Amino acid sequence: QVQLVESGGGLVQAGGSLRLSCVASGSIFSLNPRGWYRQAPGKQRELVAGITSGGTTNYADSVKGRFTVSRDSAKNTVYLQMNSLKPEDTGVYYCKWRGGGNDYWGQGLQVTVSS
């Protein structure tokens, strides 16, 4: 079984920063983070920042230069550093991991950016 525990969400003013964390536990073979997704009110879930098992990253155009995804393999943790936050970054953020041919999702974190 895989458990994902997210932390770090909350309310922040525009221009501020937040750091999201997602810790994975479990004994699934080759469990690796795949990135962070966001679901804004009334919209579909979208990829915000992706990361491969080799450490290659990619970002949605809307967050390039402001968000950084990283991982700490020793801690089984993936992070999302979010700087220069904008009201349109508001949404529920989910981490995604993949292992044993299956995808696993975090519980979701509310991030609200006030103008």
N, C-alpha and C. Protein backbone atom coordinates (compact mmCIF):
# COMPACT_ATOMS: atom_id res chain seq x y z
N GLN A 1 0.83 -1.19 0.00
CA GLN A 1 0.00 0.00 0.00
C GLN A 1 0.87 1.24 0.00
N VAL A 2 0.34 2.31 -0.58
CA VAL A 2 1.05 3.58 -0.66
C VAL A 2 0.23 4.64 0.07
N GLN A 3 0.91 5.41 0.88
CA GLN A 3 0.27 6.56 1.52
C GLN A 3 1.03 7.81 1.13
N LEU A 4 0.28 8.84 0.77
CA LEU A 4 0.86 10.13 0.43
C LEU A 4 0.29 11.17 1.38
N VAL A 5 1.16 11.92 2.00
CA VAL A 5 0.73 12.94 2.95
C VAL A 5 1.27 14.28 2.49
N GLU A 6 0.37 15.19 2.17
CA GLU A 6 0.74 16.52 1.70
C GLU A 6 0.67 17.53 2.84
N SER A 7 1.48 18.55 2.75
CA SER A 7 1.44 19.63 3.72
C SER A 7 1.94 20.91 3.08
N GLY A 8 1.60 22.05 3.70
CA GLY A 8 2.14 23.33 3.27
C GLY A 8 1.17 24.27 2.59
N GLY A 9 -0.05 23.85 2.37
CA GLY A 9 -1.01 24.74 1.73
C GLY A 9 -1.48 25.84 2.66
N GLY A 10 -2.34 26.72 2.14
CA GLY A 10 -2.89 27.77 2.98
C GLY A 10 -3.27 29.00 2.21
N LEU A 11 -3.43 30.09 2.96
CA LEU A 11 -3.82 31.38 2.40
C LEU A 11 -2.60 32.29 2.36
N VAL A 12 -2.41 32.94 1.23
CA VAL A 12 -1.26 33.83 1.08
C VAL A 12 -1.67 35.01 0.21
N GLN A 13 -1.04 36.14 0.43
CA GLN A 13 -1.30 37.31 -0.40
C GLN A 13 -0.56 37.20 -1.72
N ALA A 14 -1.09 37.85 -2.73
CA ALA A 14 -0.43 37.89 -4.03
C ALA A 14 1.00 38.39 -3.86
N GLY A 15 1.92 37.71 -4.56
CA GLY A 15 3.33 38.04 -4.44
C GLY A 15 4.07 37.23 -3.40
N GLY A 16 3.33 36.51 -2.59
CA GLY A 16 3.93 35.71 -1.55
C GLY A 16 4.39 34.35 -2.05
N SER A 17 4.85 33.53 -1.10
CA SER A 17 5.41 32.22 -1.42
C SER A 17 4.81 31.15 -0.52
N LEU A 18 4.78 29.95 -1.04
CA LEU A 18 4.42 28.77 -0.27
C LEU A 18 5.28 27.60 -0.75
N ARG A 19 5.50 26.66 0.15
CA ARG A 19 6.22 25.44 -0.22
C ARG A 19 5.36 24.25 0.15
N LEU A 20 4.99 23.48 -0.84
CA LEU A 20 4.22 22.27 -0.63
C LEU A 20 5.15 21.07 -0.52
N SER A 21 4.77 20.13 0.34
CA SER A 21 5.53 18.89 0.49
C SER A 21 4.59 17.70 0.35
N CYS A 22 5.13 16.62 -0.14
CA CYS A 22 4.35 15.38 -0.28
C CYS A 22 5.27 14.22 0.05
N VAL A 23 4.97 13.55 1.17
CA VAL A 23 5.78 12.43 1.63
C VAL A 23 5.09 11.12 1.28
N ALA A 24 5.85 10.22 0.68
CA ALA A 24 5.30 8.92 0.29
C ALA A 24 5.83 7.83 1.20
N SER A 25 4.96 6.89 1.52
CA SER A 25 5.38 5.72 2.27
C SER A 25 4.71 4.49 1.67
N GLY A 26 5.39 3.35 1.78
CA GLY A 26 4.84 2.13 1.21
C GLY A 26 5.93 1.29 0.61
N SER A 27 5.58 0.11 0.20
CA SER A 27 6.59 -0.84 -0.29
C SER A 27 6.35 -1.18 -1.75
N ILE A 28 5.84 -0.22 -2.51
CA ILE A 28 5.62 -0.45 -3.93
C ILE A 28 6.94 -0.33 -4.67
N PHE A 29 7.16 -1.28 -5.57
CA PHE A 29 8.40 -1.28 -6.33
C PHE A 29 8.49 -0.06 -7.22
N SER A 30 9.66 0.55 -7.23
CA SER A 30 9.96 1.66 -8.12
C SER A 30 8.96 2.80 -7.98
N LEU A 31 8.67 3.19 -6.76
CA LEU A 31 7.75 4.30 -6.50
C LEU A 31 8.50 5.61 -6.70
N ASN A 32 7.99 6.46 -7.61
CA ASN A 32 8.63 7.72 -7.91
C ASN A 32 7.60 8.84 -8.05
N PRO A 33 7.97 10.04 -7.68
CA PRO A 33 7.03 11.15 -7.86
C PRO A 33 6.92 11.49 -9.33
N ARG A 34 5.76 11.98 -9.72
CA ARG A 34 5.52 12.40 -11.09
C ARG A 34 5.24 13.89 -11.18
N GLY A 35 4.95 14.52 -10.05
CA GLY A 35 4.77 15.97 -10.08
C GLY A 35 3.58 16.44 -9.29
N TRP A 36 3.20 17.68 -9.59
CA TRP A 36 2.11 18.36 -8.92
C TRP A 36 1.05 18.80 -9.93
N TYR A 37 -0.21 18.63 -9.53
CA TYR A 37 -1.33 19.04 -10.35
C TYR A 37 -2.18 20.03 -9.57
N ARG A 38 -2.96 20.79 -10.31
CA ARG A 38 -3.81 21.80 -9.67
C ARG A 38 -5.21 21.71 -10.27
N GLN A 39 -6.20 21.87 -9.41
CA GLN A 39 -7.57 21.95 -9.88
C GLN A 39 -8.19 23.22 -9.34
N ALA A 40 -8.43 24.15 -10.25
CA ALA A 40 -9.08 25.41 -9.89
C ALA A 40 -10.59 25.22 -9.89
N PRO A 41 -11.29 26.08 -9.18
CA PRO A 41 -12.76 25.95 -9.13
C PRO A 41 -13.37 25.96 -10.52
N GLY A 42 -14.20 24.95 -10.80
CA GLY A 42 -14.88 24.87 -12.08
C GLY A 42 -14.03 24.43 -13.25
N LYS A 43 -12.79 24.01 -12.97
CA LYS A 43 -11.89 23.61 -14.04
C LYS A 43 -11.39 22.20 -13.82
N GLN A 44 -10.83 21.63 -14.88
CA GLN A 44 -10.25 20.29 -14.78
C GLN A 44 -8.89 20.35 -14.11
N ARG A 45 -8.50 19.22 -13.56
CA ARG A 45 -7.17 19.12 -12.97
C ARG A 45 -6.13 19.23 -14.07
N GLU A 46 -5.08 20.00 -13.80
CA GLU A 46 -4.04 20.21 -14.80
C GLU A 46 -2.66 20.04 -14.19
N LEU A 47 -1.72 19.65 -15.03
CA LEU A 47 -0.34 19.52 -14.58
C LEU A 47 0.26 20.90 -14.37
N VAL A 48 0.84 21.10 -13.21
CA VAL A 48 1.54 22.35 -12.91
C VAL A 48 3.04 22.17 -13.07
N ALA A 49 3.57 21.10 -12.49
CA ALA A 49 5.01 20.85 -12.54
C ALA A 49 5.24 19.35 -12.52
N GLY A 50 5.95 18.86 -13.52
CA GLY A 50 6.24 17.45 -13.61
C GLY A 50 7.70 17.17 -13.33
N ILE A 51 7.98 15.96 -12.87
CA ILE A 51 9.36 15.55 -12.62
C ILE A 51 9.47 14.06 -12.95
N THR A 52 10.54 13.69 -13.61
CA THR A 52 10.74 12.29 -13.97
C THR A 52 11.63 11.61 -12.94
N SER A 53 11.74 10.29 -13.06
CA SER A 53 12.60 9.54 -12.13
C SER A 53 14.05 9.97 -12.28
N GLY A 54 14.40 10.49 -13.44
CA GLY A 54 15.75 10.97 -13.65
C GLY A 54 15.97 12.41 -13.22
N GLY A 55 14.90 13.05 -12.78
CA GLY A 55 15.03 14.42 -12.29
C GLY A 55 14.72 15.51 -13.30
N THR A 56 14.35 15.13 -14.51
CA THR A 56 13.97 16.13 -15.50
C THR A 56 12.63 16.75 -15.10
N THR A 57 12.56 18.08 -15.24
CA THR A 57 11.34 18.78 -14.84
C THR A 57 10.70 19.49 -16.03
N ASN A 58 9.42 19.71 -15.92
CA ASN A 58 8.69 20.52 -16.91
C ASN A 58 7.58 21.25 -16.18
N TYR A 59 7.19 22.39 -16.74
CA TYR A 59 6.24 23.27 -16.07
C TYR A 59 5.17 23.78 -17.03
N ALA A 60 4.00 24.03 -16.46
CA ALA A 60 2.97 24.73 -17.22
C ALA A 60 3.48 26.13 -17.53
N ASP A 61 3.11 26.65 -18.68
CA ASP A 61 3.58 27.98 -19.07
C ASP A 61 3.22 29.03 -18.03
N SER A 62 2.08 28.85 -17.39
CA SER A 62 1.60 29.86 -16.45
C SER A 62 2.44 29.97 -15.19
N VAL A 63 3.26 28.96 -14.92
CA VAL A 63 4.05 28.98 -13.68
C VAL A 63 5.55 28.98 -13.92
N LYS A 64 5.97 28.93 -15.16
CA LYS A 64 7.40 28.92 -15.46
C LYS A 64 8.08 30.15 -14.88
N GLY A 65 9.22 29.92 -14.24
CA GLY A 65 9.97 31.00 -13.64
C GLY A 65 9.51 31.34 -12.24
N ARG A 66 8.37 30.78 -11.80
CA ARG A 66 7.86 31.09 -10.47
C ARG A 66 7.81 29.85 -9.57
N PHE A 67 7.55 28.69 -10.17
CA PHE A 67 7.43 27.44 -9.40
C PHE A 67 8.63 26.55 -9.68
N THR A 68 9.02 25.79 -8.65
CA THR A 68 10.10 24.82 -8.80
C THR A 68 9.72 23.51 -8.12
N VAL A 69 9.78 22.43 -8.86
CA VAL A 69 9.53 21.10 -8.30
C VAL A 69 10.87 20.42 -8.04
N SER A 70 10.96 19.73 -6.92
CA SER A 70 12.19 19.03 -6.58
C SER A 70 11.83 17.80 -5.73
N ARG A 71 12.82 16.94 -5.57
CA ARG A 71 12.59 15.73 -4.78
C ARG A 71 13.78 15.47 -3.88
N ASP A 72 13.49 14.80 -2.76
CA ASP A 72 14.52 14.31 -1.87
C ASP A 72 14.28 12.81 -1.76
N SER A 73 15.06 12.04 -2.49
CA SER A 73 14.83 10.60 -2.54
C SER A 73 15.03 9.94 -1.19
N ALA A 74 15.98 10.45 -0.42
CA ALA A 74 16.26 9.85 0.90
C ALA A 74 15.06 10.00 1.83
N LYS A 75 14.28 11.05 1.61
CA LYS A 75 13.12 11.31 2.46
C LYS A 75 11.81 10.91 1.78
N ASN A 76 11.90 10.35 0.58
CA ASN A 76 10.68 10.00 -0.19
C ASN A 76 9.71 11.17 -0.25
N THR A 77 10.25 12.32 -0.58
CA THR A 77 9.46 13.55 -0.55
C THR A 77 9.64 14.32 -1.86
N VAL A 78 8.54 14.88 -2.33
CA VAL A 78 8.58 15.79 -3.47
C VAL A 78 8.05 17.14 -2.99
N TYR A 79 8.66 18.20 -3.50
CA TYR A 79 8.32 19.55 -3.08
C TYR A 79 7.85 20.38 -4.26
N LEU A 80 7.08 21.41 -3.93
CA LEU A 80 6.74 22.43 -4.92
C LEU A 80 6.93 23.78 -4.26
N GLN A 81 7.98 24.47 -4.68
CA GLN A 81 8.22 25.83 -4.20
C GLN A 81 7.50 26.79 -5.12
N MET A 82 6.62 27.58 -4.54
CA MET A 82 5.80 28.51 -5.33
C MET A 82 6.11 29.94 -4.89
N ASN A 83 6.64 30.71 -5.80
CA ASN A 83 6.98 32.10 -5.53
C ASN A 83 6.14 33.03 -6.40
N SER A 84 6.12 34.29 -6.02
CA SER A 84 5.38 35.30 -6.79
C SER A 84 3.96 34.82 -7.12
N LEU A 85 3.29 34.34 -6.10
CA LEU A 85 1.97 33.76 -6.31
C LEU A 85 0.96 34.79 -6.78
N LYS A 86 0.06 34.31 -7.63
CA LYS A 86 -0.98 35.16 -8.21
C LYS A 86 -2.37 34.61 -7.82
N PRO A 87 -3.39 35.43 -7.82
CA PRO A 87 -4.74 34.92 -7.51
C PRO A 87 -5.14 33.75 -8.40
N GLU A 88 -4.69 33.74 -9.64
CA GLU A 88 -5.06 32.64 -10.54
C GLU A 88 -4.35 31.33 -10.20
N ASP A 89 -3.44 31.35 -9.24
CA ASP A 89 -2.82 30.12 -8.76
C ASP A 89 -3.70 29.41 -7.74
N THR A 90 -4.77 30.04 -7.35
CA THR A 90 -5.69 29.46 -6.38
C THR A 90 -6.26 28.14 -6.88
N GLY A 91 -6.31 27.16 -5.98
CA GLY A 91 -6.86 25.87 -6.33
C GLY A 91 -6.45 24.81 -5.33
N VAL A 92 -6.84 23.59 -5.62
CA VAL A 92 -6.42 22.44 -4.81
C VAL A 92 -5.26 21.78 -5.53
N TYR A 93 -4.19 21.59 -4.80
CA TYR A 93 -2.96 21.03 -5.37
C TYR A 93 -2.80 19.59 -4.92
N TYR A 94 -2.47 18.74 -5.89
CA TYR A 94 -2.31 17.31 -5.64
C TYR A 94 -0.93 16.85 -6.09
N CYS A 95 -0.27 16.06 -5.28
CA CYS A 95 0.94 15.41 -5.75
C CYS A 95 0.57 14.05 -6.35
N LYS A 96 1.37 13.62 -7.27
CA LYS A 96 1.14 12.35 -7.95
C LYS A 96 2.42 11.54 -7.93
N TRP A 97 2.29 10.28 -7.58
CA TRP A 97 3.40 9.34 -7.63
C TRP A 97 2.98 8.15 -8.49
N ARG A 98 3.97 7.44 -9.00
CA ARG A 98 3.70 6.27 -9.81
C ARG A 98 4.61 5.14 -9.36
N GLY A 99 4.02 3.94 -9.28
CA GLY A 99 4.81 2.79 -8.90
C GLY A 99 4.03 1.51 -9.16
N GLY A 100 4.73 0.46 -9.57
CA GLY A 100 4.07 -0.81 -9.82
C GLY A 100 3.00 -0.73 -10.89
N GLY A 101 3.13 0.25 -11.80
CA GLY A 101 2.15 0.40 -12.86
C GLY A 101 0.90 1.18 -12.49
N ASN A 102 0.88 1.73 -11.28
CA ASN A 102 -0.29 2.47 -10.82
C ASN A 102 0.08 3.90 -10.45
N ASP A 103 -0.92 4.79 -10.55
CA ASP A 103 -0.76 6.17 -10.11
C ASP A 103 -1.39 6.34 -8.73
N TYR A 104 -0.74 7.15 -7.93
CA TYR A 104 -1.22 7.44 -6.58
C TYR A 104 -1.28 8.95 -6.39
N TRP A 105 -2.34 9.40 -5.72
CA TRP A 105 -2.57 10.83 -5.54
C TRP A 105 -2.61 11.20 -4.07
N GLY A 106 -2.09 12.38 -3.78
CA GLY A 106 -2.23 12.92 -2.45
C GLY A 106 -3.66 13.35 -2.17
N GLN A 107 -3.90 13.75 -0.94
CA GLN A 107 -5.27 14.08 -0.53
C GLN A 107 -5.72 15.44 -1.03
N GLY A 108 -4.79 16.26 -1.48
CA GLY A 108 -5.13 17.59 -1.97
C GLY A 108 -4.92 18.66 -0.91
N LEU A 109 -4.35 19.76 -1.34
CA LEU A 109 -4.10 20.90 -0.47
C LEU A 109 -4.74 22.15 -1.06
N GLN A 110 -5.48 22.86 -0.25
CA GLN A 110 -6.07 24.11 -0.71
C GLN A 110 -5.00 25.21 -0.65
N VAL A 111 -4.82 25.88 -1.77
CA VAL A 111 -3.97 27.06 -1.84
C VAL A 111 -4.86 28.22 -2.31
N THR A 112 -4.91 29.26 -1.51
CA THR A 112 -5.71 30.43 -1.85
C THR A 112 -4.81 31.65 -1.86
N VAL A 113 -4.82 32.35 -2.99
CA VAL A 113 -3.99 33.55 -3.14
C VAL A 113 -4.94 34.74 -3.23
N SER A 114 -4.82 35.63 -2.27
CA SER A 114 -5.69 36.80 -2.24
C SER A 114 -5.03 37.98 -2.95
N SER A 115 -5.85 38.80 -3.56
CA SER A 115 -5.30 39.95 -4.31
C SER A 115 -5.17 41.17 -3.42
